[in-house]
Amino acid sequence: MPEPRTLLAFDYGTSRIGVATGQTATGSASALGELRARDGTPDWNDIKKLLDEWQPELVLVGLPLNMDGSDSDFAQRARKFANRLHGRFGVAIQMVDERLSSFEAKQEHRAAGGSGHYKSDPVDAIAARLILETWFSERSTRSE
């Protein structure tokens, strides 16, 4: 696979899915927002719009692992979401360890003056951005 230039990242959840975009040229990531989901199923038309707009060469999906590295109860659902993304849209998918991303996103949000009402605040989009930043960090560590 050639070096991806544009990436999208998803922080999968049953009611909200955070979305972020990133560029390998700059190593930057930005939170885009959140998509609503119903019991983990998004509006696939919203996903298609994002894919059409950003045209990512690679899509990252956060993989919620336990602290010991084993699969969490939610990991299989995140993998299923990733498989559906690939199956519906043919995009390249990579799973990214997202341990503590939601915790870090909530801390970052509070530090920036966020309300702490996580159902109405964009914490999932911040978590998606952190997933992208983790991917960038892992790539730079491997290349050193």
N, C-alpha and C. Protein backbone atom coordinates (compact mmCIF):
# COMPACT_ATOMS: atom_id res chain seq x y z
N MET A 1 0.84 -1.18 0.00
CA MET A 1 0.00 0.00 0.00
C MET A 1 0.89 1.25 0.00
N PRO A 2 0.61 2.18 -0.92
CA PRO A 2 1.39 3.41 -0.91
C PRO A 2 1.14 4.21 0.37
N GLU A 3 2.04 5.11 0.67
CA GLU A 3 1.91 5.95 1.85
C GLU A 3 0.59 6.72 1.82
N PRO A 4 -0.27 6.51 2.82
CA PRO A 4 -1.53 7.28 2.84
C PRO A 4 -1.24 8.75 3.11
N ARG A 5 -2.02 9.60 2.48
CA ARG A 5 -1.86 11.04 2.70
C ARG A 5 -2.98 11.58 3.58
N THR A 6 -4.20 11.19 3.27
CA THR A 6 -5.36 11.65 4.03
C THR A 6 -5.95 10.46 4.77
N LEU A 7 -6.26 10.67 6.03
CA LEU A 7 -6.83 9.60 6.85
C LEU A 7 -8.09 10.11 7.53
N LEU A 8 -9.00 9.19 7.81
CA LEU A 8 -10.12 9.44 8.69
C LEU A 8 -9.99 8.47 9.86
N ALA A 9 -10.40 8.91 11.03
CA ALA A 9 -10.40 8.04 12.20
C ALA A 9 -11.77 8.07 12.85
N PHE A 10 -12.18 6.91 13.34
CA PHE A 10 -13.47 6.78 14.01
C PHE A 10 -13.25 6.24 15.41
N ASP A 11 -13.90 6.89 16.38
CA ASP A 11 -13.99 6.37 17.74
C ASP A 11 -15.40 5.81 17.86
N TYR A 12 -15.50 4.50 17.69
CA TYR A 12 -16.79 3.82 17.60
C TYR A 12 -17.48 3.77 18.96
N GLY A 13 -18.79 4.03 18.94
CA GLY A 13 -19.61 3.91 20.13
C GLY A 13 -21.03 3.52 19.73
N THR A 14 -21.81 3.10 20.70
CA THR A 14 -23.15 2.63 20.38
C THR A 14 -24.14 3.76 20.12
N SER A 15 -23.89 4.96 20.69
CA SER A 15 -24.81 6.07 20.44
C SER A 15 -24.14 7.22 19.68
N ARG A 16 -22.82 7.34 19.80
CA ARG A 16 -22.07 8.38 19.08
C ARG A 16 -20.78 7.78 18.55
N ILE A 17 -20.38 8.25 17.36
CA ILE A 17 -19.12 7.82 16.75
C ILE A 17 -18.33 9.07 16.45
N GLY A 18 -17.20 9.23 17.12
CA GLY A 18 -16.35 10.39 16.90
C GLY A 18 -15.60 10.25 15.59
N VAL A 19 -15.37 11.40 14.93
CA VAL A 19 -14.69 11.41 13.65
C VAL A 19 -13.59 12.46 13.66
N ALA A 20 -12.44 12.11 13.09
CA ALA A 20 -11.33 13.04 12.95
C ALA A 20 -10.66 12.79 11.61
N THR A 21 -9.93 13.79 11.14
CA THR A 21 -9.17 13.65 9.90
C THR A 21 -7.72 13.99 10.18
N GLY A 22 -6.84 13.44 9.35
CA GLY A 22 -5.42 13.71 9.52
C GLY A 22 -4.70 13.70 8.19
N GLN A 23 -3.52 14.33 8.19
CA GLN A 23 -2.67 14.42 7.01
C GLN A 23 -1.28 13.91 7.37
N THR A 24 -0.77 12.96 6.59
CA THR A 24 0.58 12.46 6.89
C THR A 24 1.65 13.47 6.54
N ALA A 25 1.39 14.35 5.56
CA ALA A 25 2.39 15.34 5.16
C ALA A 25 2.76 16.25 6.33
N THR A 26 1.77 16.59 7.14
CA THR A 26 2.01 17.49 8.27
C THR A 26 2.00 16.77 9.61
N GLY A 27 1.52 15.53 9.60
CA GLY A 27 1.39 14.79 10.86
C GLY A 27 0.35 15.40 11.78
N SER A 28 -0.62 16.08 11.18
CA SER A 28 -1.64 16.77 11.98
C SER A 28 -2.96 16.02 11.96
N ALA A 29 -3.71 16.21 13.02
CA ALA A 29 -5.03 15.59 13.15
C ALA A 29 -5.99 16.62 13.70
N SER A 30 -7.23 16.58 13.21
CA SER A 30 -8.27 17.51 13.66
C SER A 30 -9.57 16.75 13.90
N ALA A 31 -10.21 17.07 15.01
CA ALA A 31 -11.53 16.51 15.29
C ALA A 31 -12.53 17.12 14.32
N LEU A 32 -13.40 16.27 13.74
CA LEU A 32 -14.42 16.75 12.81
C LEU A 32 -15.79 16.87 13.46
N GLY A 33 -16.10 15.96 14.34
CA GLY A 33 -17.42 15.96 14.96
C GLY A 33 -17.85 14.56 15.30
N GLU A 34 -19.13 14.41 15.52
CA GLU A 34 -19.67 13.11 15.93
C GLU A 34 -20.87 12.76 15.07
N LEU A 35 -21.01 11.47 14.83
CA LEU A 35 -22.17 10.94 14.12
C LEU A 35 -23.05 10.24 15.14
N ARG A 36 -24.31 10.33 14.97
CA ARG A 36 -25.25 9.59 15.82
C ARG A 36 -25.30 8.14 15.35
N ALA A 37 -25.49 7.26 16.30
CA ALA A 37 -25.64 5.84 15.99
C ALA A 37 -26.80 5.30 16.80
N ARG A 38 -27.41 4.27 16.28
CA ARG A 38 -28.51 3.61 17.00
C ARG A 38 -28.05 2.19 17.29
N ASP A 39 -27.79 1.92 18.56
CA ASP A 39 -27.25 0.63 19.00
C ASP A 39 -26.02 0.25 18.18
N GLY A 40 -25.16 1.24 17.92
CA GLY A 40 -23.91 0.99 17.22
C GLY A 40 -23.98 1.08 15.71
N THR A 41 -25.17 1.30 15.16
CA THR A 41 -25.31 1.37 13.71
C THR A 41 -25.45 2.84 13.29
N PRO A 42 -24.49 3.34 12.52
CA PRO A 42 -24.57 4.73 12.08
C PRO A 42 -25.51 4.86 10.88
N ASP A 43 -25.78 6.08 10.50
CA ASP A 43 -26.43 6.34 9.22
C ASP A 43 -25.32 6.23 8.18
N TRP A 44 -25.33 5.15 7.42
CA TRP A 44 -24.25 4.87 6.47
C TRP A 44 -24.13 5.96 5.41
N ASN A 45 -25.21 6.72 5.16
CA ASN A 45 -25.13 7.84 4.22
C ASN A 45 -24.23 8.94 4.76
N ASP A 46 -24.26 9.15 6.09
CA ASP A 46 -23.36 10.13 6.71
C ASP A 46 -21.90 9.70 6.55
N ILE A 47 -21.64 8.41 6.72
CA ILE A 47 -20.28 7.89 6.53
C ILE A 47 -19.85 8.09 5.08
N LYS A 48 -20.74 7.77 4.15
CA LYS A 48 -20.41 7.93 2.73
C LYS A 48 -20.08 9.38 2.41
N LYS A 49 -20.83 10.32 2.96
CA LYS A 49 -20.56 11.74 2.73
C LYS A 49 -19.15 12.11 3.21
N LEU A 50 -18.78 11.61 4.39
CA LEU A 50 -17.43 11.88 4.90
C LEU A 50 -16.35 11.28 4.00
N LEU A 51 -16.57 10.04 3.58
CA LEU A 51 -15.59 9.39 2.71
C LEU A 51 -15.49 10.11 1.37
N ASP A 52 -16.61 10.54 0.82
CA ASP A 52 -16.60 11.28 -0.45
C ASP A 52 -15.89 12.62 -0.30
N GLU A 53 -16.14 13.30 0.81
CA GLU A 53 -15.54 14.61 1.02
C GLU A 53 -14.03 14.53 1.24
N TRP A 54 -13.60 13.63 2.12
CA TRP A 54 -12.19 13.57 2.52
C TRP A 54 -11.36 12.63 1.66
N GLN A 55 -11.98 11.64 1.02
CA GLN A 55 -11.31 10.66 0.18
C GLN A 55 -10.03 10.11 0.84
N PRO A 56 -10.19 9.50 2.00
CA PRO A 56 -9.01 9.00 2.71
C PRO A 56 -8.41 7.77 2.04
N GLU A 57 -7.11 7.68 2.08
CA GLU A 57 -6.43 6.48 1.61
C GLU A 57 -6.44 5.38 2.67
N LEU A 58 -6.67 5.79 3.93
CA LEU A 58 -6.71 4.84 5.04
C LEU A 58 -7.72 5.33 6.07
N VAL A 59 -8.50 4.40 6.61
CA VAL A 59 -9.45 4.71 7.67
C VAL A 59 -9.02 3.96 8.92
N LEU A 60 -8.91 4.69 10.01
CA LEU A 60 -8.52 4.10 11.29
C LEU A 60 -9.76 3.95 12.16
N VAL A 61 -9.83 2.83 12.86
CA VAL A 61 -10.92 2.60 13.80
C VAL A 61 -10.28 2.24 15.14
N GLY A 62 -10.69 2.94 16.18
CA GLY A 62 -10.16 2.65 17.51
C GLY A 62 -10.56 1.28 17.98
N LEU A 63 -9.59 0.56 18.54
CA LEU A 63 -9.83 -0.78 19.07
C LEU A 63 -9.74 -0.71 20.59
N PRO A 64 -10.88 -0.85 21.28
CA PRO A 64 -10.88 -0.74 22.74
C PRO A 64 -10.37 -2.01 23.40
N LEU A 65 -9.12 -1.96 23.82
CA LEU A 65 -8.50 -3.09 24.49
C LEU A 65 -8.51 -2.87 25.99
N ASN A 66 -8.43 -3.97 26.73
CA ASN A 66 -8.23 -3.89 28.18
C ASN A 66 -6.81 -3.44 28.45
N MET A 67 -6.56 -3.01 29.67
CA MET A 67 -5.22 -2.52 30.02
C MET A 67 -4.14 -3.58 29.84
N ASP A 68 -4.49 -4.87 29.93
CA ASP A 68 -3.51 -5.94 29.74
C ASP A 68 -3.32 -6.31 28.27
N GLY A 69 -4.00 -5.58 27.37
CA GLY A 69 -3.86 -5.83 25.94
C GLY A 69 -4.86 -6.82 25.37
N SER A 70 -5.65 -7.44 26.22
CA SER A 70 -6.66 -8.38 25.74
C SER A 70 -7.87 -7.60 25.22
N ASP A 71 -8.69 -8.28 24.44
CA ASP A 71 -9.89 -7.65 23.90
C ASP A 71 -10.86 -7.28 25.02
N SER A 72 -11.41 -6.09 24.94
CA SER A 72 -12.48 -5.71 25.85
C SER A 72 -13.78 -6.32 25.32
N ASP A 73 -14.83 -6.21 26.09
CA ASP A 73 -16.13 -6.69 25.63
C ASP A 73 -16.59 -5.95 24.38
N PHE A 74 -16.13 -4.74 24.20
CA PHE A 74 -16.56 -3.88 23.11
C PHE A 74 -15.69 -4.03 21.85
N ALA A 75 -14.55 -4.69 21.97
CA ALA A 75 -13.61 -4.79 20.85
C ALA A 75 -14.24 -5.47 19.63
N GLN A 76 -15.03 -6.51 19.85
CA GLN A 76 -15.64 -7.21 18.72
C GLN A 76 -16.61 -6.31 17.97
N ARG A 77 -17.32 -5.46 18.69
CA ARG A 77 -18.25 -4.53 18.03
C ARG A 77 -17.48 -3.51 17.18
N ALA A 78 -16.35 -3.03 17.69
CA ALA A 78 -15.53 -2.09 16.92
C ALA A 78 -14.98 -2.77 15.66
N ARG A 79 -14.56 -4.02 15.78
CA ARG A 79 -14.07 -4.76 14.60
C ARG A 79 -15.20 -4.96 13.57
N LYS A 80 -16.39 -5.25 14.07
CA LYS A 80 -17.53 -5.44 13.17
C LYS A 80 -17.81 -4.13 12.41
N PHE A 81 -17.76 -3.00 13.11
CA PHE A 81 -17.94 -1.70 12.47
C PHE A 81 -16.87 -1.50 11.39
N ALA A 82 -15.62 -1.80 11.71
CA ALA A 82 -14.52 -1.66 10.74
C ALA A 82 -14.75 -2.56 9.53
N ASN A 83 -15.17 -3.80 9.77
CA ASN A 83 -15.43 -4.73 8.66
C ASN A 83 -16.58 -4.22 7.78
N ARG A 84 -17.58 -3.64 8.38
CA ARG A 84 -18.69 -3.09 7.60
C ARG A 84 -18.25 -1.89 6.78
N LEU A 85 -17.40 -1.03 7.36
CA LEU A 85 -16.84 0.09 6.59
C LEU A 85 -16.11 -0.41 5.35
N HIS A 86 -15.27 -1.40 5.56
CA HIS A 86 -14.52 -1.96 4.44
C HIS A 86 -15.45 -2.62 3.42
N GLY A 87 -16.39 -3.41 3.90
CA GLY A 87 -17.29 -4.12 3.00
C GLY A 87 -18.20 -3.19 2.19
N ARG A 88 -18.70 -2.15 2.82
CA ARG A 88 -19.61 -1.23 2.13
C ARG A 88 -18.89 -0.30 1.16
N PHE A 89 -17.71 0.17 1.56
CA PHE A 89 -17.07 1.25 0.82
C PHE A 89 -15.71 0.86 0.22
N GLY A 90 -15.20 -0.32 0.54
CA GLY A 90 -13.94 -0.77 -0.03
C GLY A 90 -12.72 0.01 0.44
N VAL A 91 -12.84 0.72 1.55
CA VAL A 91 -11.72 1.52 2.05
C VAL A 91 -10.76 0.63 2.84
N ALA A 92 -9.47 1.00 2.80
CA ALA A 92 -8.48 0.32 3.61
C ALA A 92 -8.70 0.68 5.07
N ILE A 93 -8.66 -0.32 5.93
CA ILE A 93 -8.95 -0.13 7.36
C ILE A 93 -7.75 -0.59 8.18
N GLN A 94 -7.47 0.14 9.23
CA GLN A 94 -6.49 -0.30 10.21
C GLN A 94 -7.04 -0.04 11.59
N MET A 95 -6.97 -1.03 12.45
CA MET A 95 -7.40 -0.88 13.84
C MET A 95 -6.24 -0.26 14.64
N VAL A 96 -6.58 0.63 15.57
CA VAL A 96 -5.58 1.32 16.39
C VAL A 96 -5.96 1.15 17.85
N ASP A 97 -5.00 0.73 18.66
CA ASP A 97 -5.20 0.59 20.10
C ASP A 97 -5.65 1.93 20.66
N GLU A 98 -6.81 1.95 21.27
CA GLU A 98 -7.33 3.21 21.80
C GLU A 98 -7.46 3.20 23.32
N ARG A 99 -6.66 2.38 23.97
CA ARG A 99 -6.72 2.36 25.43
C ARG A 99 -6.54 3.77 25.98
N LEU A 100 -7.42 4.16 26.83
CA LEU A 100 -7.41 5.44 27.54
C LEU A 100 -7.74 6.65 26.67
N SER A 101 -8.07 6.47 25.39
CA SER A 101 -8.36 7.64 24.55
C SER A 101 -9.59 8.40 25.06
N SER A 102 -10.64 7.70 25.47
CA SER A 102 -11.83 8.40 25.97
C SER A 102 -11.53 9.11 27.28
N PHE A 103 -10.75 8.48 28.14
CA PHE A 103 -10.34 9.10 29.40
C PHE A 103 -9.54 10.37 29.13
N GLU A 104 -8.54 10.28 28.21
CA GLU A 104 -7.73 11.43 27.86
C GLU A 104 -8.57 12.52 27.21
N ALA A 105 -9.52 12.13 26.37
CA ALA A 105 -10.38 13.11 25.70
C ALA A 105 -11.21 13.88 26.73
N LYS A 106 -11.73 13.19 27.72
CA LYS A 106 -12.52 13.85 28.76
C LYS A 106 -11.65 14.81 29.57
N GLN A 107 -10.42 14.39 29.89
CA GLN A 107 -9.51 15.26 30.62
C GLN A 107 -9.18 16.51 29.80
N GLU A 108 -8.88 16.30 28.52
CA GLU A 108 -8.55 17.42 27.65
C GLU A 108 -9.74 18.38 27.53
N HIS A 109 -10.91 17.82 27.40
CA HIS A 109 -12.11 18.64 27.27
C HIS A 109 -12.35 19.47 28.54
N ARG A 110 -12.21 18.84 29.70
CA ARG A 110 -12.38 19.58 30.96
C ARG A 110 -11.33 20.68 31.10
N ALA A 111 -10.08 20.37 30.73
CA ALA A 111 -8.99 21.35 30.83
C ALA A 111 -9.24 22.56 29.93
N ALA A 112 -9.95 22.35 28.83
CA ALA A 112 -10.27 23.44 27.91
C ALA A 112 -11.54 24.18 28.31
N GLY A 113 -12.09 23.85 29.48
CA GLY A 113 -13.27 24.55 29.96
C GLY A 113 -14.58 23.88 29.61
N GLY A 114 -14.51 22.61 29.15
CA GLY A 114 -15.72 21.88 28.80
C GLY A 114 -16.59 21.65 30.02
N SER A 115 -17.84 21.42 29.77
CA SER A 115 -18.83 21.35 30.84
C SER A 115 -18.81 20.05 31.63
N GLY A 116 -18.30 19.00 31.05
CA GLY A 116 -18.37 17.71 31.73
C GLY A 116 -19.64 16.95 31.43
N HIS A 117 -20.51 17.52 30.60
CA HIS A 117 -21.72 16.84 30.15
C HIS A 117 -21.38 16.12 28.85
N TYR A 118 -20.85 14.93 28.96
CA TYR A 118 -20.25 14.25 27.81
C TYR A 118 -21.26 13.80 26.77
N LYS A 119 -22.52 13.73 27.13
CA LYS A 119 -23.52 13.36 26.13
C LYS A 119 -23.77 14.50 25.15
N SER A 120 -23.50 15.75 25.58
CA SER A 120 -23.72 16.89 24.69
C SER A 120 -22.41 17.52 24.22
N ASP A 121 -21.28 17.12 24.76
CA ASP A 121 -19.99 17.70 24.38
C ASP A 121 -19.26 16.78 23.41
N PRO A 122 -18.36 17.33 22.59
CA PRO A 122 -17.71 16.56 21.51
C PRO A 122 -16.53 15.70 21.95
N VAL A 123 -16.69 14.98 23.03
CA VAL A 123 -15.59 14.17 23.56
C VAL A 123 -15.20 13.04 22.61
N ASP A 124 -16.18 12.45 21.91
CA ASP A 124 -15.88 11.35 21.00
C ASP A 124 -15.04 11.82 19.80
N ALA A 125 -15.26 13.04 19.34
CA ALA A 125 -14.46 13.59 18.25
C ALA A 125 -13.02 13.82 18.72
N ILE A 126 -12.86 14.27 19.96
CA ILE A 126 -11.51 14.43 20.52
C ILE A 126 -10.83 13.07 20.61
N ALA A 127 -11.58 12.05 21.04
CA ALA A 127 -11.02 10.69 21.13
C ALA A 127 -10.59 10.20 19.75
N ALA A 128 -11.37 10.51 18.70
CA ALA A 128 -10.99 10.11 17.34
C ALA A 128 -9.69 10.80 16.93
N ARG A 129 -9.56 12.08 17.30
CA ARG A 129 -8.30 12.79 17.00
C ARG A 129 -7.12 12.14 17.74
N LEU A 130 -7.34 11.74 18.98
CA LEU A 130 -6.28 11.08 19.75
C LEU A 130 -5.90 9.73 19.13
N ILE A 131 -6.87 9.03 18.56
CA ILE A 131 -6.58 7.77 17.86
C ILE A 131 -5.64 8.05 16.68
N LEU A 132 -5.93 9.10 15.93
CA LEU A 132 -5.05 9.48 14.81
C LEU A 132 -3.67 9.86 15.31
N GLU A 133 -3.60 10.63 16.37
CA GLU A 133 -2.30 11.02 16.92
C GLU A 133 -1.51 9.81 17.41
N THR A 134 -2.21 8.82 17.97
CA THR A 134 -1.55 7.58 18.37
C THR A 134 -0.95 6.89 17.15
N TRP A 135 -1.70 6.84 16.05
CA TRP A 135 -1.21 6.21 14.82
C TRP A 135 0.03 6.93 14.31
N PHE A 136 0.00 8.27 14.31
CA PHE A 136 1.17 9.05 13.87
C PHE A 136 2.37 8.75 14.77
N SER A 137 2.14 8.72 16.06
CA SER A 137 3.22 8.47 17.02
C SER A 137 3.82 7.08 16.83
N GLU A 138 2.96 6.07 16.64
CA GLU A 138 3.46 4.71 16.44
C GLU A 138 4.28 4.61 15.16
N ARG A 139 3.87 5.30 14.11
CA ARG A 139 4.61 5.28 12.84
C ARG A 139 5.99 5.92 13.00
N SER A 140 6.05 7.05 13.71
CA SER A 140 7.34 7.72 13.86
C SER A 140 8.27 6.90 14.76
N THR A 141 7.72 6.21 15.75
CA THR A 141 8.53 5.36 16.61
C THR A 141 9.10 4.17 15.82
N ARG A 142 8.29 3.58 14.93
CA ARG A 142 8.76 2.44 14.13
C ARG A 142 9.83 2.85 13.14
N SER A 143 9.77 4.09 12.63
CA SER A 143 10.72 4.51 11.61
C SER A 143 12.04 5.00 12.19
N GLU A 144 12.09 5.17 13.51
CA GLU A 144 13.34 5.64 14.14
C GLU A 144 14.31 4.50 14.33
